[in-house]
C-alpha atoms as a PDB file:
ATOM      1  CA  MET A   1       8.819   0.492  34.264  1.00  0.00           C
ATOM      2  CA  TYR A   2       5.290  -1.052  33.615  1.00  0.00           C
ATOM      3  CA  GLY A   3       6.758  -4.368  33.019  1.00  0.00           C
ATOM      4  CA  CYS A   4       8.343  -3.387  29.821  1.00  0.00           C
ATOM      5  CA  ALA A   5      10.879  -5.492  28.307  1.00  0.00           C
ATOM      6  CA  VAL A   6      12.601  -2.957  25.835  1.00  0.00           C
ATOM      7  CA  LYS A   7      15.749  -1.861  27.110  1.00  0.00           C
ATOM      8  CA  GLU A   8      16.985   1.710  26.412  1.00  0.00           C
ATOM      9  CA  ALA A   9      20.489   0.112  25.581  1.00  0.00           C
ATOM     10  CA  ALA A  10      21.432  -2.873  23.564  1.00  0.00           C
ATOM     11  CA  PRO A  11      24.710  -4.656  22.828  1.00  0.00           C
ATOM     12  CA  ASN A  12      26.770  -4.963  19.953  1.00  0.00           C
ATOM     13  CA  GLY A  13      25.454  -1.719  18.192  1.00  0.00           C
ATOM     14  CA  ALA A  14      21.871  -3.181  17.835  1.00  0.00           C
ATOM     15  CA  PRO A  15      18.968  -1.000  17.347  1.00  0.00           C
ATOM     16  CA  THR A  16      17.560   0.434  20.512  1.00  0.00           C
ATOM     17  CA  ILE A  17      14.267   1.729  21.438  1.00  0.00           C
ATOM     18  CA  SER A  18      14.303   5.262  23.539  1.00  0.00           C
ATOM     19  CA  GLU A  19      12.061   5.633  26.751  1.00  0.00           C
ATOM     20  CA  HIS A  20      10.113   8.594  24.723  1.00  0.00           C
ATOM     21  CA  VAL A  21       8.747   6.195  22.355  1.00  0.00           C
ATOM     22  CA  GLN A  22       7.841   3.535  25.031  1.00  0.00           C
ATOM     23  CA  GLN A  23       6.089   6.342  26.868  1.00  0.00           C
ATOM     24  CA  LEU A  24       3.965   6.871  24.059  1.00  0.00           C
ATOM     25  CA  VAL A  25       2.372   3.888  24.426  1.00  0.00           C
ATOM     26  CA  PHE A  26       1.838   4.527  27.957  1.00  0.00           C
ATOM     27  CA  GLU A  27       0.078   7.913  27.521  1.00  0.00           C
ATOM     28  CA  LYS A  28      -2.404   6.262  25.132  1.00  0.00           C
ATOM     29  CA  TYR A  29      -2.658   3.028  27.107  1.00  0.00           C
ATOM     30  CA  PRO A  30      -1.788   3.675  30.656  1.00  0.00           C
ATOM     31  CA  GLU A  31      -2.962   0.247  31.945  1.00  0.00           C
ATOM     32  CA  ALA A  32      -0.729  -1.787  29.363  1.00  0.00           C
ATOM     33  CA  ARG A  33       1.083  -4.303  30.727  1.00  0.00           C
ATOM     34  CA  ASN A  34       4.058  -6.947  29.661  1.00  0.00           C
ATOM     35  CA  LEU A  35       5.143  -4.593  26.966  1.00  0.00           C
ATOM     36  CA  SER A  36       7.625  -5.677  24.520  1.00  0.00           C
ATOM     37  CA  GLY A  37       8.963  -3.843  21.337  1.00  0.00           C
ATOM     38  CA  LYS A  38      11.111  -4.325  18.120  1.00  0.00           C
ATOM     39  CA  VAL A  39      12.539  -2.072  15.604  1.00  0.00           C
ATOM     40  CA  ILE A  40      10.850  -1.667  12.313  1.00  0.00           C
ATOM     41  CA  GLU A  41      12.942   1.370  10.993  1.00  0.00           C
ATOM     42  CA  ASN A  42      16.106   1.821  12.810  1.00  0.00           C
ATOM     43  CA  GLY A  43      15.276   5.131  15.024  1.00  0.00           C
ATOM     44  CA  LYS A  44      12.126   5.768  12.791  1.00  0.00           C
ATOM     45  CA  VAL A  45       9.371   3.311  13.464  1.00  0.00           C
ATOM     46  CA  PHE A  46       8.742   0.554  16.084  1.00  0.00           C
ATOM     47  CA  GLU A  47       6.356  -2.077  16.969  1.00  0.00           C
ATOM     48  CA  PHE A  48       5.098  -2.706  20.332  1.00  0.00           C
ATOM     49  CA  ALA A  49       3.039  -5.896  21.735  1.00  0.00           C
ATOM     50  CA  PHE A  50       1.258  -5.470  25.147  1.00  0.00           C
ATOM     51  CA  ASN A  51      -1.820  -6.264  27.044  1.00  0.00           C
ATOM     52  CA  VAL A  52      -4.639  -4.561  28.449  1.00  0.00           C
ATOM     53  CA  ASP A  53      -6.872  -6.834  30.662  1.00  0.00           C
ATOM     54  CA  ASP A  54      -7.745  -9.914  28.733  1.00  0.00           C
ATOM     55  CA  GLU A  55      -7.166  -8.394  25.658  1.00  0.00           C
ATOM     56  CA  ARG A  56      -3.886  -8.538  23.512  1.00  0.00           C
ATOM     57  CA  TYR A  57      -2.849  -5.385  21.655  1.00  0.00           C
ATOM     58  CA  SER A  58      -0.038  -4.783  18.936  1.00  0.00           C
ATOM     59  CA  ALA A  59       0.913  -0.816  18.321  1.00  0.00           C
ATOM     60  CA  ILE A  60       3.026   0.800  15.251  1.00  0.00           C
ATOM     61  CA  VAL A  61       4.667   4.050  16.773  1.00  0.00           C
ATOM     62  CA  ASN A  62       7.053   6.385  15.208  1.00  0.00           C
ATOM     63  CA  ASN A  63       8.971   9.329  17.336  1.00  0.00           C
ATOM     64  CA  ASP A  64       5.944  11.342  17.657  1.00  0.00           C
ATOM     65  CA  GLU A  65       3.046   9.335  17.908  1.00  0.00           C
ATOM     66  CA  ILE A  66       0.953   6.268  17.586  1.00  0.00           C
ATOM     67  CA  ILE A  67       0.528   5.170  13.958  1.00  0.00           C
ATOM     68  CA  SER A  68      -1.641   2.599  14.136  1.00  0.00           C
ATOM     69  CA  THR A  69      -3.184  -0.332  16.563  1.00  0.00           C
ATOM     70  CA  ALA A  70      -4.536  -3.812  16.439  1.00  0.00           C
ATOM     71  CA  ARG A  71      -6.629  -5.385  18.963  1.00  0.00           C
ATOM     72  CA  THR A  72      -7.111  -9.364  19.444  1.00  0.00           C
ATOM     73  CA  SER A  73      -9.706 -10.500  21.925  1.00  0.00           C
ATOM     74  CA  GLY A  74     -10.015 -14.336  21.180  1.00  0.00           C
ATOM     75  CA  GLU A  75     -13.080 -13.758  19.790  1.00  0.00           C
ATOM     76  CA  GLN A  76     -14.490 -16.008  16.831  1.00  0.00           C
ATOM     77  CA  VAL A  77     -14.841 -14.733  13.472  1.00  0.00           C
ATOM     78  CA  PRO A  78     -18.231 -12.935  13.356  1.00  0.00           C
ATOM     79  CA  ASP A  79     -20.587 -15.146  10.456  1.00  0.00           C
ATOM     80  CA  SER A  80     -21.376 -11.964   8.879  1.00  0.00           C
ATOM     81  CA  LEU A  81     -17.672 -11.297   8.139  1.00  0.00           C
ATOM     82  CA  VAL A  82     -17.463 -15.067   6.649  1.00  0.00           C
ATOM     83  CA  ASN A  83     -20.421 -14.983   4.818  1.00  0.00           C
ATOM     84  CA  LYS A  84     -19.219 -11.933   3.092  1.00  0.00           C
ATOM     85  CA  LEU A  85     -15.695 -13.659   2.021  1.00  0.00           C
ATOM     86  CA  GLN A  86     -17.916 -16.979   0.994  1.00  0.00           C
ATOM     87  CA  ASN A  87     -20.288 -14.842  -0.851  1.00  0.00           C
ATOM     88  CA  ALA A  88     -17.677 -13.347  -3.107  1.00  0.00           C
ATOM     89  CA  THR A  89     -15.636 -15.000  -6.074  1.00  0.00           C
ATOM     90  CA  ILE A  90     -12.558 -15.305  -3.729  1.00  0.00           C
ATOM     91  CA  LYS A  91     -14.259 -17.641  -1.122  1.00  0.00           C
ATOM     92  CA  GLY A  92     -12.550 -20.752  -0.043  1.00  0.00           C
ATOM     93  CA  GLY A  93      -9.478 -19.541   1.739  1.00  0.00           C
ATOM     94  CA  ALA A  94      -8.159 -19.942   5.269  1.00  0.00           C
ATOM     95  CA  ILE A  95      -9.218 -17.325   7.892  1.00  0.00           C
ATOM     96  CA  SER A  96      -6.732 -16.416  10.770  1.00  0.00           C
ATOM     97  CA  ASP A  97      -6.193 -13.864  13.097  1.00  0.00           C
ATOM     98  CA  TYR A  98      -9.795 -12.108  13.865  1.00  0.00           C
ATOM     99  CA  ARG A  99      -8.524  -8.646  15.100  1.00  0.00           C
ATOM    100  CA  THR A 100      -9.849  -4.926  14.893  1.00  0.00           C
ATOM    101  CA  ILE A 101      -7.197  -2.283  13.471  1.00  0.00           C
ATOM    102  CA  THR A 102      -7.174   1.203  13.387  1.00  0.00           C
ATOM    103  CA  LEU A 103      -5.018   2.289  10.184  1.00  0.00           C
ATOM    104  CA  PHE A 104      -4.575   5.970  11.858  1.00  0.00           C
ATOM    105  CA  ASP A 105      -4.390   6.465  15.582  1.00  0.00           C
ATOM    106  CA  GLY A 106      -7.920   7.994  16.666  1.00  0.00           C
ATOM    107  CA  TYR A 107      -9.952   6.540  13.345  1.00  0.00           C
ATOM    108  CA  ILE A 108     -12.487   4.060  13.718  1.00  0.00           C
ATOM    109  CA  ALA A 109     -11.714   0.531  14.308  1.00  0.00           C
ATOM    110  CA  THR A 110     -12.044  -1.851  11.347  1.00  0.00           C
ATOM    111  CA  PRO A 111     -12.660  -5.366  11.640  1.00  0.00           C
ATOM    112  CA  ALA A 112      -9.870  -7.347   9.993  1.00  0.00           C
ATOM    113  CA  VAL A 113      -8.604 -11.001   9.140  1.00  0.00           C
ATOM    114  CA  ASN A 114      -5.411 -13.054   7.273  1.00  0.00           C
ATOM    115  CA  TYR A 115      -6.893 -14.612   4.717  1.00  0.00           C
ATOM    116  CA  ARG A 116      -4.499 -17.494   2.655  1.00  0.00           C
ATOM    117  CA  LEU A 117      -6.223 -17.893  -0.902  1.00  0.00           C
ATOM    118  CA  ASN A 118      -4.391 -20.375  -3.337  1.00  0.00           C
ATOM    119  CA  GLY A 119      -1.219 -20.032  -1.385  1.00  0.00           C
ATOM    120  CA  MET A 120      -1.192 -16.602  -1.454  1.00  0.00           C
ATOM    121  CA  ASP A 121      -1.522 -14.564   1.838  1.00  0.00           C
ATOM    122  CA  PHE A 122      -3.749 -11.651   2.117  1.00  0.00           C
ATOM    123  CA  VAL A 123      -5.197  -8.971   5.057  1.00  0.00           C
ATOM    124  CA  ALA A 124      -9.010  -8.617   4.525  1.00  0.00           C
ATOM    125  CA  ILE A 125     -10.355  -5.197   5.899  1.00  0.00           C
ATOM    126  CA  PHE A 126     -13.901  -4.915   6.201  1.00  0.00           C
ATOM    127  CA  GLY A 127     -15.517  -1.902   5.895  1.00  0.00           C
ATOM    128  CA  PRO A 128     -18.873  -0.213   6.333  1.00  0.00           C
ATOM    129  CA  SER A 129     -19.892  -1.083   2.805  1.00  0.00           C
ATOM    130  CA  SER A 130     -16.907  -3.341   1.238  1.00  0.00           C
ATOM    131  CA  ILE A 131     -14.286  -5.811   1.481  1.00  0.00           C
ATOM    132  CA  TYR A 132     -10.692  -4.524   0.911  1.00  0.00           C
ATOM    133  CA  MET A 133      -7.956  -7.511   0.618  1.00  0.00           C
ATOM    134  CA  SER A 134      -4.278  -6.995  -0.091  1.00  0.00           C
ATOM    135  CA  PRO A 135      -1.299  -9.215   0.485  1.00  0.00           C
ATOM    136  CA  HIS A 136       1.043  -9.481   3.076  1.00  0.00           C
ATOM    137  CA  PRO A 137      -0.137 -10.113   6.419  1.00  0.00           C
ATOM    138  CA  ARG A 138       0.894  -6.910   8.245  1.00  0.00           C
ATOM    139  CA  LEU A 139       0.539  -3.419   7.045  1.00  0.00           C
ATOM    140  CA  TYR A 140       0.516   0.106   8.353  1.00  0.00           C
ATOM    141  CA  HIS A 141       0.140   3.621   6.665  1.00  0.00           C
ATOM    142  CA  ILE A 142       1.886   6.594   7.011  1.00  0.00           C
ATOM    143  CA  ARG A 143       1.489  10.013   6.742  1.00  0.00           C
ATOM    144  CA  ASN A 144       5.191  11.420   7.493  1.00  0.00           C
ATOM    145  CA  ILE A 145       7.670  11.186   5.309  1.00  0.00           C
ATOM    146  CA  ASN A 146      10.418  11.042   7.754  1.00  0.00           C
ATOM    147  CA  ASP A 147       9.184   7.620   8.903  1.00  0.00           C
ATOM    148  CA  LEU A 148      10.478   5.909   5.518  1.00  0.00           C
ATOM    149  CA  PRO A 149      13.920   4.340   5.125  1.00  0.00           C
ATOM    150  CA  ASP A 150      16.747   7.088   4.127  1.00  0.00           C
ATOM    151  CA  PRO A 151      17.363   6.083   0.698  1.00  0.00           C
ATOM    152  CA  ILE A 152      13.408   6.644  -0.089  1.00  0.00           C
ATOM    153  CA  ILE A 153      13.215   9.937   1.244  1.00  0.00           C
ATOM    154  CA  ASP A 154      15.993  10.625  -0.785  1.00  0.00           C
ATOM    155  CA  PHE A 155      14.697   9.755  -4.069  1.00  0.00           C
ATOM    156  CA  ILE A 156      11.250  11.556  -3.165  1.00  0.00           C
ATOM    157  CA  GLN A 157      13.277  14.609  -2.410  1.00  0.00           C
ATOM    158  CA  LYS A 158      15.321  15.064  -5.082  1.00  0.00           C
ATOM    159  CA  ARG A 159      12.183  15.380  -7.165  1.00  0.00           C
ATOM    160  CA  SER A 160      10.338  17.630  -5.028  1.00  0.00           C
ATOM    161  CA  LYS A 161      11.320  20.645  -7.122  1.00  0.00           C
ATOM    162  CA  PRO A 162      10.036  21.989 -10.390  1.00  0.00           C
ATOM    163  CA  ASN A 163      11.121  20.199 -13.276  1.00  0.00           C
ATOM    164  CA  PRO A 164      10.543  22.801 -16.184  1.00  0.00           C
ATOM    165  CA  THR A 165      12.683  20.668 -18.664  1.00  0.00           C
ATOM    166  CA  PHE A 166      10.785  17.567 -18.514  1.00  0.00           C
ATOM    167  CA  VAL A 167       7.423  20.013 -18.637  1.00  0.00           C
ATOM    168  CA  ASN A 168       8.621  21.502 -21.881  1.00  0.00           C
ATOM    169  CA  THR A 169       8.272  18.010 -23.572  1.00  0.00           C
ATOM    170  CA  LEU A 170       4.472  17.827 -23.010  1.00  0.00           C
ATOM    171  CA  THR A 171       3.770  19.049 -26.079  1.00  0.00           C
ATOM    172  CA  ASN A 172      -0.030  17.862 -25.781  1.00  0.00           C
ATOM    173  CA  PHE A 173      -0.345  21.100 -23.429  1.00  0.00           C
ATOM    174  CA  ASN A 174      -0.316  24.463 -25.014  1.00  0.00           C
ATOM    175  CA  GLU A 175       2.317  27.203 -23.914  1.00  0.00           C
ATOM    176  CA  GLU A 176       0.062  28.672 -21.052  1.00  0.00           C
ATOM    177  CA  THR A 177      -0.621  25.555 -19.234  1.00  0.00           C
ATOM    178  CA  ARG A 178       2.918  24.281 -19.806  1.00  0.00           C
ATOM    179  CA  GLN A 179       4.351  27.284 -18.116  1.00  0.00           C
ATOM    180  CA  MET A 180       1.484  27.160 -14.885  1.00  0.00           C
ATOM    181  CA  ILE A 181       2.606  22.909 -14.357  1.00  0.00           C
ATOM    182  CA  ALA A 182       6.566  23.944 -14.651  1.00  0.00           C
ATOM    183  CA  ARG A 183       6.255  26.096 -11.674  1.00  0.00           C
ATOM    184  CA  ASN A 184       4.818  22.992  -9.571  1.00  0.00           C
ATOM    185  CA  ASN A 185       7.354  20.529  -7.911  1.00  0.00           C
ATOM    186  CA  GLU A 186       7.646  17.236  -9.926  1.00  0.00           C
ATOM    187  CA  PHE A 187       6.821  15.481  -6.522  1.00  0.00           C
ATOM    188  CA  GLU A 188       4.767  16.284  -3.298  1.00  0.00           C
ATOM    189  CA  PHE A 189       4.855  13.495  -0.940  1.00  0.00           C
ATOM    190  CA  GLY A 190       1.206  12.068  -0.385  1.00  0.00           C
ATOM    191  CA  GLY A 191       1.389   9.267   2.269  1.00  0.00           C
ATOM    192  CA  GLY A 192       2.046   5.591   1.892  1.00  0.00           C
ATOM    193  CA  THR A 193       1.867   2.192   3.249  1.00  0.00           C
ATOM    194  CA  VAL A 194       4.683   0.057   4.374  1.00  0.00           C
ATOM    195  CA  TYR A 195       3.509  -4.267   3.790  1.00  0.00           C
ATOM    196  CA  ILE A 196       5.574  -6.382   6.123  1.00  0.00           C
ATOM    197  CA  ASN A 197       6.005  -9.772   4.472  1.00  0.00           C
ATOM    198  CA  LEU A 198       6.016 -13.409   6.387  1.00  0.00           C
ATOM    199  CA  ASP A 199      10.016 -13.377   6.576  1.00  0.00           C
ATOM    200  CA  GLY A 200       9.711  -9.689   8.194  1.00  0.00           C
ATOM    201  CA  THR A 201      11.063  -7.775   4.664  1.00  0.00           C
ATOM    202  CA  LYS A 202       9.284  -4.679   3.691  1.00  0.00           C
ATOM    203  CA  THR A 203       7.587  -3.480   0.491  1.00  0.00           C
ATOM    204  CA  TYR A 204       7.128  -0.001   0.745  1.00  0.00           C
ATOM    205  CA  GLU A 205       4.470   2.151  -1.556  1.00  0.00           C
ATOM    206  CA  VAL A 206       4.629   6.121  -1.806  1.00  0.00           C
ATOM    207  CA  ILE A 207       1.956   8.053  -3.139  1.00  0.00           C
ATOM    208  CA  VAL A 208       3.081  10.987  -4.987  1.00  0.00           C
ATOM    209  CA  ARG A 209       1.372  14.134  -6.450  1.00  0.00           C
ATOM    210  CA  PHE A 210       2.923  14.433  -9.658  1.00  0.00           C
ATOM    211  CA  LEU A 211       3.551  17.796 -11.141  1.00  0.00           C
ATOM    212  CA  GLY A 212       0.622  19.125  -9.240  1.00  0.00           C
ATOM    213  CA  VAL A 213      -1.518  17.108 -12.137  1.00  0.00           C
ATOM    214  CA  ASP A 214      -2.570  13.791 -10.689  1.00  0.00           C
ATOM    215  CA  SER A 215      -1.427  11.246  -8.038  1.00  0.00           C
ATOM    216  CA  GLN A 216       0.638   8.145  -8.578  1.00  0.00           C
ATOM    217  CA  SER A 217       2.124   5.512  -6.687  1.00  0.00           C
ATOM    218  CA  LEU A 218       5.614   3.946  -6.513  1.00  0.00           C
ATOM    219  CA  LEU A 219       6.906   0.714  -5.197  1.00  0.00           C
ATOM    220  CA  PHE A 220      10.083   0.060  -3.625  1.00  0.00           C
ATOM    221  CA  ASP A 221      11.466  -3.335  -2.300  1.00  0.00           C
ATOM    222  CA  LYS A 222      13.140  -4.558   0.959  1.00  0.00           C
ATOM    223  CA  ASP A 223      16.636  -3.067  -0.618  1.00  0.00           C
ATOM    224  CA  TYR A 224      14.941   0.240  -1.511  1.00  0.00           C
ATOM    225  CA  ASN A 225      14.972  -0.680  -5.236  1.00  0.00           C
ATOM    226  CA  LEU A 226      12.155   1.173  -7.328  1.00  0.00           C
ATOM    227  CA  ILE A 227      10.243  -1.995  -8.860  1.00  0.00           C
ATOM    228  CA  TRP A 228       6.879  -0.529 -10.181  1.00  0.00           C
ATOM    229  CA  VAL A 229       5.602   2.835 -11.240  1.00  0.00           C
ATOM    230  CA  GLY A 230       2.059   4.040 -11.450  1.00  0.00           C
ATOM    231  CA  SER A 231       0.748   5.600 -14.511  1.00  0.00           C
ATOM    232  CA  PHE A 232       3.286   8.765 -14.976  1.00  0.00           C
ATOM    233  CA  ASN A 233       3.208   8.410 -18.532  1.00  0.00           C
ATOM    234  CA  GLN A 234      -0.371   9.166 -19.084  1.00  0.00           C
ATOM    235  CA  ILE A 235       0.125  12.935 -18.427  1.00  0.00           C
ATOM    236  CA  ARG A 236       1.173  12.907 -22.328  1.00  0.00           C
ATOM    237  CA  GLN A 237      -2.309  11.779 -22.829  1.00  0.00           C
ATOM    238  CA  TYR A 238      -4.250  14.539 -21.610  1.00  0.00           C
ATOM    239  CA  ASN A 239      -6.003  16.779 -24.191  1.00  0.00           C
ATOM    240  CA  GLU A 240      -4.667  20.626 -24.295  1.00  0.00           C
ATOM    241  CA  ASP A 241      -5.606  22.653 -21.297  1.00  0.00           C
ATOM    242  CA  PHE A 242      -7.060  19.156 -19.221  1.00  0.00           C
ATOM    243  CA  THR A 243     -10.119  19.614 -21.064  1.00  0.00           C
ATOM    244  CA  GLY A 244     -10.371  15.790 -21.411  1.00  0.00           C
ATOM    245  CA  ARG A 245      -8.092  12.882 -21.799  1.00  0.00           C
ATOM    246  CA  ASN A 246      -7.784   9.802 -23.878  1.00  0.00           C
ATOM    247  CA  PHE A 247      -6.560   7.254 -21.426  1.00  0.00           C
ATOM    248  CA  ASP A 248      -7.008   3.788 -23.706  1.00  0.00           C
ATOM    249  CA  THR A 249      -4.944   1.253 -23.236  1.00  0.00           C
ATOM    250  CA  ASN A 250      -1.264   1.411 -24.468  1.00  0.00           C
ATOM    251  CA  LEU A 251      -0.773  -2.222 -24.424  1.00  0.00           C
ATOM    252  CA  THR A 252       0.873  -3.961 -27.607  1.00  0.00           C
ATOM    253  CA  ARG A 253      -1.285  -7.158 -28.912  1.00  0.00           C
ATOM    254  CA  LYS A 254       2.222  -9.079 -27.913  1.00  0.00           C
ATOM    255  CA  GLU A 255       1.291  -7.713 -24.000  1.00  0.00           C
ATOM    256  CA  ILE A 256      -2.528  -8.414 -24.455  1.00  0.00           C
ATOM    257  CA  SER A 257      -1.557 -11.940 -25.280  1.00  0.00           C
ATOM    258  CA  ILE A 258       0.781 -12.827 -22.530  1.00  0.00           C
ATOM    259  CA  PHE A 259      -1.380 -11.008 -20.037  1.00  0.00           C
ATOM    260  CA  SER A 260      -4.363 -12.963 -21.247  1.00  0.00           C
ATOM    261  CA  ASP A 261      -2.410 -16.290 -20.538  1.00  0.00           C
ATOM    262  CA  VAL A 262      -0.968 -14.989 -16.996  1.00  0.00           C
ATOM    263  CA  LEU A 263      -4.394 -14.009 -15.989  1.00  0.00           C
ATOM    264  CA  GLY A 264      -5.876 -17.460 -16.732  1.00  0.00           C
ATOM    265  CA  ALA A 265      -3.619 -19.614 -14.719  1.00  0.00           C
ATOM    266  CA  PRO A 266      -4.696 -18.448 -10.985  1.00  0.00           C
ATOM    267  CA  SER A 267      -8.369 -19.340  -9.974  1.00  0.00           C
ATOM    268  CA  HIS A 268      -8.978 -15.948  -8.060  1.00  0.00           C
ATOM    269  CA  PHE A 269      -8.763 -14.265 -11.069  1.00  0.00           C
ATOM    270  CA  LEU A 270     -11.676 -16.293 -12.882  1.00  0.00           C
ATOM    271  CA  ASN A 271     -14.175 -14.088 -15.104  1.00  0.00           C
ATOM    272  CA  PHE A 272     -11.545 -11.016 -14.394  1.00  0.00           C
ATOM    273  CA  GLY A 273      -9.755 -11.305 -18.029  1.00  0.00           C
ATOM    274  CA  LEU A 274      -9.003  -8.736 -20.158  1.00  0.00           C
ATOM    275  CA  ASP A 275     -12.012 -10.170 -22.518  1.00  0.00           C
ATOM    276  CA  VAL A 276     -14.308  -9.178 -19.678  1.00  0.00           C
ATOM    277  CA  GLY A 277     -16.367  -5.585 -20.365  1.00  0.00           C
ATOM    278  CA  TYR A 278     -14.164  -2.702 -20.258  1.00  0.00           C
ATOM    279  CA  ASN A 279     -10.865  -4.232 -18.684  1.00  0.00           C
ATOM    280  CA  LEU A 280      -8.576  -4.102 -21.516  1.00  0.00           C
ATOM    281  CA  MET A 281      -9.620  -0.036 -21.368  1.00  0.00           C
ATOM    282  CA  LYS A 282      -8.226  -0.027 -17.767  1.00  0.00           C
ATOM    283  CA  SER A 283      -4.990  -1.869 -18.304  1.00  0.00           C
ATOM    284  CA  TYR A 284      -2.037   0.316 -18.974  1.00  0.00           C
ATOM    285  CA  ARG A 285       1.877   0.275 -19.427  1.00  0.00           C
ATOM    286  CA  ASN A 286       3.883   2.544 -16.952  1.00  0.00           C
ATOM    287  CA  GLU A 287       6.966   4.105 -17.566  1.00  0.00           C
ATOM    288  CA  TYR A 288       9.037   6.328 -15.299  1.00  0.00           C
ATOM    289  CA  GLU A 289      12.951   6.855 -14.594  1.00  0.00           C
ATOM    290  CA  GLY A 290      13.580   3.767 -16.921  1.00  0.00           C
ATOM    291  CA  VAL A 291      11.221   1.520 -15.059  1.00  0.00           C
ATOM    292  CA  THR A 292       8.512   0.025 -17.136  1.00  0.00           C
ATOM    293  CA  SER A 293       5.644  -1.450 -15.083  1.00  0.00           C
ATOM    294  CA  TYR A 294       1.913  -2.582 -15.708  1.00  0.00           C
ATOM    295  CA  ILE A 295      -1.350  -1.964 -13.416  1.00  0.00           C
ATOM    296  CA  PHE A 296      -4.728  -3.511 -14.390  1.00  0.00           C
ATOM    297  CA  TRP A 297      -8.351  -2.897 -13.041  1.00  0.00           C
ATOM    298  CA  LEU A 298     -10.301  -5.800 -13.438  1.00  0.00           C
ATOM    299  CA  ASP A 299     -13.632  -5.827 -12.974  1.00  0.00           C
ATOM    300  CA  ASN A 300     -16.119  -9.750 -12.856  1.00  0.00           C
ATOM    301  CA  GLY A 301     -19.363  -7.194 -13.975  1.00  0.00           C
ATOM    302  CA  ARG A 302     -20.645  -7.681 -10.292  1.00  0.00           C
ATOM    303  CA  GLY A 303     -18.716  -4.843  -8.442  1.00  0.00           C
ATOM    304  CA  GLU A 304     -15.791  -6.976  -7.560  1.00  0.00           C
ATOM    305  CA  GLN A 305     -12.600  -5.666  -8.686  1.00  0.00           C
ATOM    306  CA  TRP A 306      -8.929  -6.692  -8.838  1.00  0.00           C
ATOM    307  CA  MET A 307      -6.011  -4.460  -8.899  1.00  0.00           C
ATOM    308  CA  LEU A 308      -2.603  -6.035 -10.253  1.00  0.00           C
ATOM    309  CA  ARG A 309       0.617  -4.689 -10.495  1.00  0.00           C
ATOM    310  CA  TYR A 310       2.999  -6.288 -12.677  1.00  0.00           C
ATOM    311  CA  ASN A 311       6.665  -5.726 -13.018  1.00  0.00           C
ATOM    312  CA  ALA A 312       8.675  -5.389 -16.560  1.00  0.00           C
ATOM    313  CA  ASP A 313       9.328  -9.235 -16.399  1.00  0.00           C
ATOM    314  CA  LYS A 314       5.599  -9.856 -16.315  1.00  0.00           C
ATOM    315  CA  LYS A 315       5.870 -10.954 -12.558  1.00  0.00           C
ATOM    316  CA  ILE A 316       3.163  -9.729 -10.221  1.00  0.00           C
ATOM    317  CA  VAL A 317       4.515  -7.593  -7.366  1.00  0.00           C
ATOM    318  CA  PHE A 318       1.203  -6.217  -5.848  1.00  0.00           C
ATOM    319  CA  SER A 319      -2.627  -7.136  -5.869  1.00  0.00           C
ATOM    320  CA  SER A 320      -5.341  -5.860  -4.206  1.00  0.00           C
ATOM    321  CA  TYR A 321      -9.127  -7.069  -3.951  1.00  0.00           C
ATOM    322  CA  SER A 322     -12.321  -4.698  -3.113  1.00  0.00           C
ATOM    323  CA  LYS A 323     -16.091  -5.656  -3.176  1.00  0.00           C
ATOM    324  CA  PRO A 324     -18.789  -3.451  -2.196  1.00  0.00           C
END
């Protein structure tokens, strides 16, 4: 059908892509030709490549809808985008694979490039008024928890219920406030992003609403191990009745010294150190479910910002850059 290279059945029990999923692509792109597909999450998420006229497309699809698309037309990278990168502190990287991407089906298409900087691979996405850059050459967003691997779904759903025992340990709140948030689920799924590495493995970021109070992120590796947690412990720093909060850094002097050295090594972190402006006051040790990790929001005083995530071993597991 339509020159599709994907078959309903595959030998030796290999993952398959149903005709229904393929049809979702043809409903959106009836002129699609030379369709080929592969499984990203078995039985859940798939990727298709195809041609429409002289342009090459790729689409991430679940069992119900197209999640995101990318269009490559062979155009050169516009000078305006090159200039935006070269006028930033991240200048000097190698640009490739210019395309327009739609991170959610029906949303506005946005220019994007692969950007290799100091031996690291990033995706640079150009919004109307800013650049956003994150690692991994490909990514897609998810809104349906069922698009995640089952072990991660289980982790989230086991905590998608009230946890009054934990809430009662929050002595920074008065009894009335504790009773109020004790009725909320510990987790409410709030979306996520899947980052695809060069070797095809994936890193999963899941956003959850924590006790109905704030949103936090969790990172899982290719084997679905929890490798990084957001600032769940900050809930103990809210003032009574949420009338204020005190989120000063909780890093020890030893940790500050270690990370000052770590941040001084890569050149793309130049002028983003802990001694710049209020950067130290936006740097935290995070703790949840026995996992310790770190987050840094680092500004260079010109509006450019790195968000860096490190694991308990002080190894970076995720980074993103933004520039207005």
